[in-house]
Amino acid sequence: TQNELDLIRQETNLTEDDIQLSLDIISEHSSLFLENADVNVLNSYGLEDQNIALLKYFYDINYPSITLHAFAVSQNVSNNDNIQPRVANVLIRVLIKDALKKKMGDKIKKEIGDEVKDKVQDKWIAAAEKEIDKHGYSKFVGPEGSGANGIRQGEHVFEIYGKNGNSIIRGHVGLEQNKAVTNWHYHLKYDNFVDHHEQILLRHRSLPNWGTPN
């Protein structure tokens, strides 16, 4: 494993902090990342440690060497050490996209999924990355729970905890006007999770339970 980690360090431009954080995130949600990876590509690496293989996979598909080189040239960067892609951000993106998908379920996704993707998803991802940069990371909690369809039926979509174990950002969706409007927003640690940040109101027909399949 140490030799495989050394190989990753040689092949990528990742910081030690990013490598460790990325491995922590992958370890916590390994089955999800496996679902989002090409197993044939993973096997082609010949790496014994599955988590390291997943780290390399998500680096390779998001930061191909030709793109990094082109970026360096365009920015007049002569030393690749100045380019710091973060695989941890890529992994958080996967987790939030999956949380939104599971919260909606197939039935709701058919009705408002495109709007959620276009108007909500990137805002939440950007906010989560910013908070992790400030507070670190220790845990991601998605929408799975004991409610109908195995999904929490309250406002909770996801929650991220910082390095000290305290909550730092919460993605929520509220139902309004007899379930004809959803209010997508997030809460932040700095105001004690009081304010509804970047509220997005989506109108639609009355919705079934969260997570309802076809």
Protein backbone atom coordinates (compact mmCIF):
# COMPACT_ATOMS: atom_id res chain seq x y z
CA THR A 1 0.00 0.00 0.00
CA GLN A 2 2.81 2.41 0.80
CA ASN A 3 4.38 1.71 -2.58
CA GLU A 4 1.03 2.34 -4.26
CA LEU A 5 0.63 5.62 -2.38
CA ASP A 6 4.12 6.63 -3.49
CA LEU A 7 3.07 5.86 -7.06
CA ILE A 8 0.04 8.15 -6.73
CA ARG A 9 2.25 10.93 -5.39
CA GLN A 10 4.58 10.56 -8.37
CA GLU A 11 1.80 10.41 -10.97
CA THR A 12 -0.33 13.28 -9.66
CA ASN A 13 0.06 16.78 -8.38
CA LEU A 14 -2.05 16.18 -5.28
CA THR A 15 -1.13 17.55 -1.89
CA GLU A 16 -0.67 15.20 1.06
CA ASP A 17 -3.75 16.73 2.71
CA ASP A 18 -5.86 16.11 -0.38
CA ILE A 19 -4.66 12.52 -0.70
CA GLN A 20 -5.48 11.75 2.92
CA LEU A 21 -8.84 13.55 2.87
CA SER A 22 -9.78 11.84 -0.40
CA LEU A 23 -8.91 8.41 0.97
CA ASP A 24 -10.97 9.13 4.10
CA ILE A 25 -14.00 10.11 1.98
CA ILE A 26 -13.60 7.09 -0.30
CA SER A 27 -13.23 4.72 2.65
CA GLU A 28 -16.41 6.10 4.23
CA HIS A 29 -18.47 5.66 1.03
CA SER A 30 -16.51 3.05 -0.94
CA SER A 31 -19.58 1.25 -2.34
CA LEU A 32 -20.97 4.49 -3.77
CA PHE A 33 -17.71 5.39 -5.47
CA LEU A 34 -17.46 1.87 -6.88
CA GLU A 35 -20.91 2.36 -8.42
CA ASN A 36 -19.67 5.54 -10.10
CA ALA A 37 -16.43 4.02 -11.42
CA ASP A 38 -15.58 1.79 -14.37
CA VAL A 39 -14.49 -1.51 -12.83
CA ASN A 40 -12.51 -2.47 -15.92
CA VAL A 41 -10.47 0.72 -15.63
CA LEU A 42 -9.93 0.12 -11.91
CA ASN A 43 -8.69 -3.41 -12.59
CA SER A 44 -6.37 -2.16 -15.31
CA TYR A 45 -4.38 -0.20 -12.72
CA GLY A 46 -3.17 -3.40 -11.07
CA LEU A 47 -3.42 -1.82 -7.62
CA GLU A 48 -4.16 -4.05 -4.64
CA ASP A 49 -5.68 -1.30 -2.51
CA GLN A 50 -9.16 -0.59 -3.85
CA ASN A 51 -9.39 2.84 -2.23
CA ILE A 52 -6.13 3.96 -3.80
CA ALA A 53 -7.36 2.66 -7.16
CA LEU A 54 -10.54 4.72 -6.73
CA LEU A 55 -8.48 7.79 -5.85
CA LYS A 56 -6.45 7.35 -9.04
CA TYR A 57 -9.62 6.76 -11.06
CA PHE A 58 -11.34 9.97 -9.98
CA TYR A 59 -8.12 11.89 -10.47
CA ASP A 60 -7.60 10.45 -13.96
CA ILE A 61 -11.11 11.17 -15.23
CA ASN A 62 -11.16 14.72 -13.86
CA TYR A 63 -7.56 15.86 -14.21
CA PRO A 64 -6.04 14.21 -17.29
CA SER A 65 -2.41 15.19 -17.79
CA ILE A 66 -3.08 16.91 -21.11
CA THR A 67 -5.61 19.20 -19.41
CA LEU A 68 -3.18 20.08 -16.64
CA HIS A 69 -0.48 20.81 -19.18
CA ALA A 70 -2.80 23.02 -21.21
CA PHE A 71 -3.84 24.84 -18.05
CA ALA A 72 -0.22 25.42 -17.09
CA VAL A 73 0.59 26.83 -20.50
CA SER A 74 -2.48 29.07 -20.54
CA GLN A 75 -1.62 30.41 -17.10
CA ASN A 76 2.10 30.74 -17.89
CA VAL A 77 2.83 28.31 -15.08
CA SER A 78 6.29 26.82 -15.38
CA ASN A 79 6.18 24.74 -12.23
CA ASN A 80 3.41 22.12 -11.93
CA ASP A 81 3.57 22.46 -8.15
CA ASN A 82 1.56 25.64 -8.58
CA ILE A 83 -1.38 23.65 -9.92
CA GLN A 84 -3.33 22.06 -7.09
CA PRO A 85 -6.31 20.06 -8.32
CA ARG A 86 -8.37 18.68 -5.46
CA VAL A 87 -9.78 15.19 -5.79
CA ALA A 88 -11.63 15.72 -2.50
CA ASN A 89 -13.80 18.33 -4.26
CA VAL A 90 -14.58 15.82 -7.01
CA LEU A 91 -15.62 13.25 -4.42
CA ILE A 92 -17.85 15.72 -2.55
CA ARG A 93 -19.52 16.50 -5.87
CA VAL A 94 -20.29 12.80 -6.34
CA LEU A 95 -21.72 12.56 -2.81
CA ILE A 96 -23.99 15.61 -3.17
CA LYS A 97 -25.24 14.55 -6.60
CA ASP A 98 -26.03 11.12 -5.19
CA ALA A 99 -27.78 12.64 -2.15
CA LEU A 100 -30.02 14.76 -4.39
CA LYS A 101 -30.79 11.78 -6.60
CA LYS A 102 -31.74 9.56 -3.65
CA LYS A 103 -33.77 12.28 -1.94
CA MET A 104 -35.90 12.82 -5.03
CA GLY A 105 -36.28 9.20 -6.11
CA ASP A 106 -37.15 8.32 -9.69
CA LYS A 107 -40.70 9.68 -9.63
CA ILE A 108 -39.85 13.15 -8.34
CA LYS A 109 -36.67 13.28 -10.42
CA LYS A 110 -38.74 12.87 -13.59
CA GLU A 111 -40.72 15.98 -12.72
CA ILE A 112 -38.14 18.40 -11.29
CA GLY A 113 -34.80 16.60 -11.63
CA ASP A 114 -33.54 18.80 -14.47
CA GLU A 115 -34.36 21.98 -12.56
CA VAL A 116 -32.64 20.68 -9.43
CA LYS A 117 -29.57 19.83 -11.49
CA ASP A 118 -29.51 23.22 -13.23
CA LYS A 119 -30.46 25.51 -10.34
CA VAL A 120 -29.52 23.77 -7.09
CA GLN A 121 -26.79 21.18 -7.51
CA ASP A 122 -23.81 23.38 -8.39
CA LYS A 123 -24.68 25.99 -5.75
CA TRP A 124 -24.70 23.33 -3.04
CA ILE A 125 -21.45 21.79 -4.26
CA ALA A 126 -19.68 25.17 -4.35
CA ALA A 127 -20.92 26.03 -0.85
CA ALA A 128 -19.83 22.64 0.52
CA GLU A 129 -16.35 22.97 -0.98
CA LYS A 130 -15.99 26.43 0.56
CA GLU A 131 -17.02 25.24 4.02
CA ILE A 132 -14.71 22.22 3.87
CA ASP A 133 -11.83 24.51 2.91
CA LYS A 134 -12.56 26.57 6.03
CA HIS A 135 -13.45 23.89 8.56
CA GLY A 136 -12.01 20.63 7.27
CA TYR A 137 -13.96 17.40 6.91
CA SER A 138 -14.83 14.38 9.01
CA LYS A 139 -18.15 12.97 7.80
CA PHE A 140 -20.86 13.17 5.11
CA VAL A 141 -24.43 12.11 5.91
CA GLY A 142 -26.86 11.62 3.03
CA PRO A 143 -30.67 11.32 2.97
CA GLU A 144 -30.90 7.64 3.82
CA GLY A 145 -32.96 6.92 6.93
CA SER A 146 -35.91 5.11 8.45
CA GLY A 147 -38.60 7.03 6.56
CA ALA A 148 -40.67 5.93 3.57
CA ASN A 149 -38.60 4.41 0.77
CA GLY A 150 -35.61 4.30 3.12
CA ILE A 151 -35.27 8.10 2.87
CA ARG A 152 -35.73 10.72 5.57
CA GLN A 153 -39.01 12.51 4.90
CA GLY A 154 -38.07 15.79 6.57
CA GLU A 155 -36.04 18.60 5.01
CA HIS A 156 -32.66 16.88 5.35
CA VAL A 157 -30.82 16.08 2.11
CA PHE A 158 -27.22 16.04 3.33
CA GLU A 159 -25.04 17.24 6.17
CA ILE A 160 -21.27 17.65 6.32
CA TYR A 161 -19.20 17.69 9.50
CA GLY A 162 -15.91 19.54 9.88
CA LYS A 163 -12.59 18.29 11.21
CA ASN A 164 -13.66 18.90 14.84
CA GLY A 165 -16.78 16.76 14.40
CA ASN A 166 -19.24 19.66 14.33
CA SER A 167 -21.80 20.22 11.58
CA ILE A 168 -20.70 22.87 9.04
CA ILE A 169 -23.30 22.79 6.22
CA ARG A 170 -26.75 21.27 5.81
CA GLY A 171 -28.58 20.91 2.50
CA HIS A 172 -32.36 21.08 2.99
CA VAL A 173 -35.56 21.05 0.94
CA GLY A 174 -38.85 22.24 2.37
CA LEU A 175 -42.38 21.64 1.06
CA GLU A 176 -44.74 24.59 0.67
CA GLN A 177 -48.21 25.33 -0.72
CA ASN A 178 -49.64 21.84 -0.26
CA LYS A 179 -46.49 20.25 -1.67
CA ALA A 180 -46.81 22.24 -4.91
CA VAL A 181 -43.56 24.13 -4.22
CA THR A 182 -40.19 22.92 -2.97
CA ASN A 183 -37.80 25.31 -1.29
CA TRP A 184 -34.19 24.20 -1.82
CA HIS A 185 -31.63 25.92 0.42
CA TYR A 186 -28.70 25.26 2.71
CA HIS A 187 -27.73 26.25 6.25
CA LEU A 188 -24.26 27.24 7.48
CA LYS A 189 -22.39 26.99 10.75
CA TYR A 190 -21.47 30.69 10.99
CA ASP A 191 -25.06 31.84 11.62
CA ASN A 192 -25.97 28.78 13.73
CA PHE A 193 -27.90 27.31 10.78
CA VAL A 194 -30.63 29.94 11.04
CA ASP A 195 -30.62 31.57 7.59
CA HIS A 196 -31.86 29.88 4.42
CA HIS A 197 -29.01 30.47 1.98
CA GLU A 198 -29.63 30.72 -1.80
CA GLN A 199 -33.25 29.64 -1.68
CA ILE A 200 -34.51 28.12 -4.93
CA LEU A 201 -38.29 27.71 -5.28
CA LEU A 202 -39.47 25.08 -7.76
CA ARG A 203 -43.11 24.74 -8.75
CA HIS A 204 -44.61 21.40 -9.75
CA ARG A 205 -47.53 19.10 -9.26
CA SER A 206 -48.13 17.73 -5.77
CA LEU A 207 -45.21 15.46 -4.91
CA PRO A 208 -45.23 11.91 -3.52
CA ASN A 209 -43.00 10.85 -0.66
CA TRP A 210 -39.31 11.58 -1.04
CA GLY A 211 -37.38 8.74 -2.60
CA THR A 212 -40.43 7.24 -4.34
CA PRO A 213 -39.39 4.90 -7.17
CA ASN A 214 -41.21 4.69 -10.50
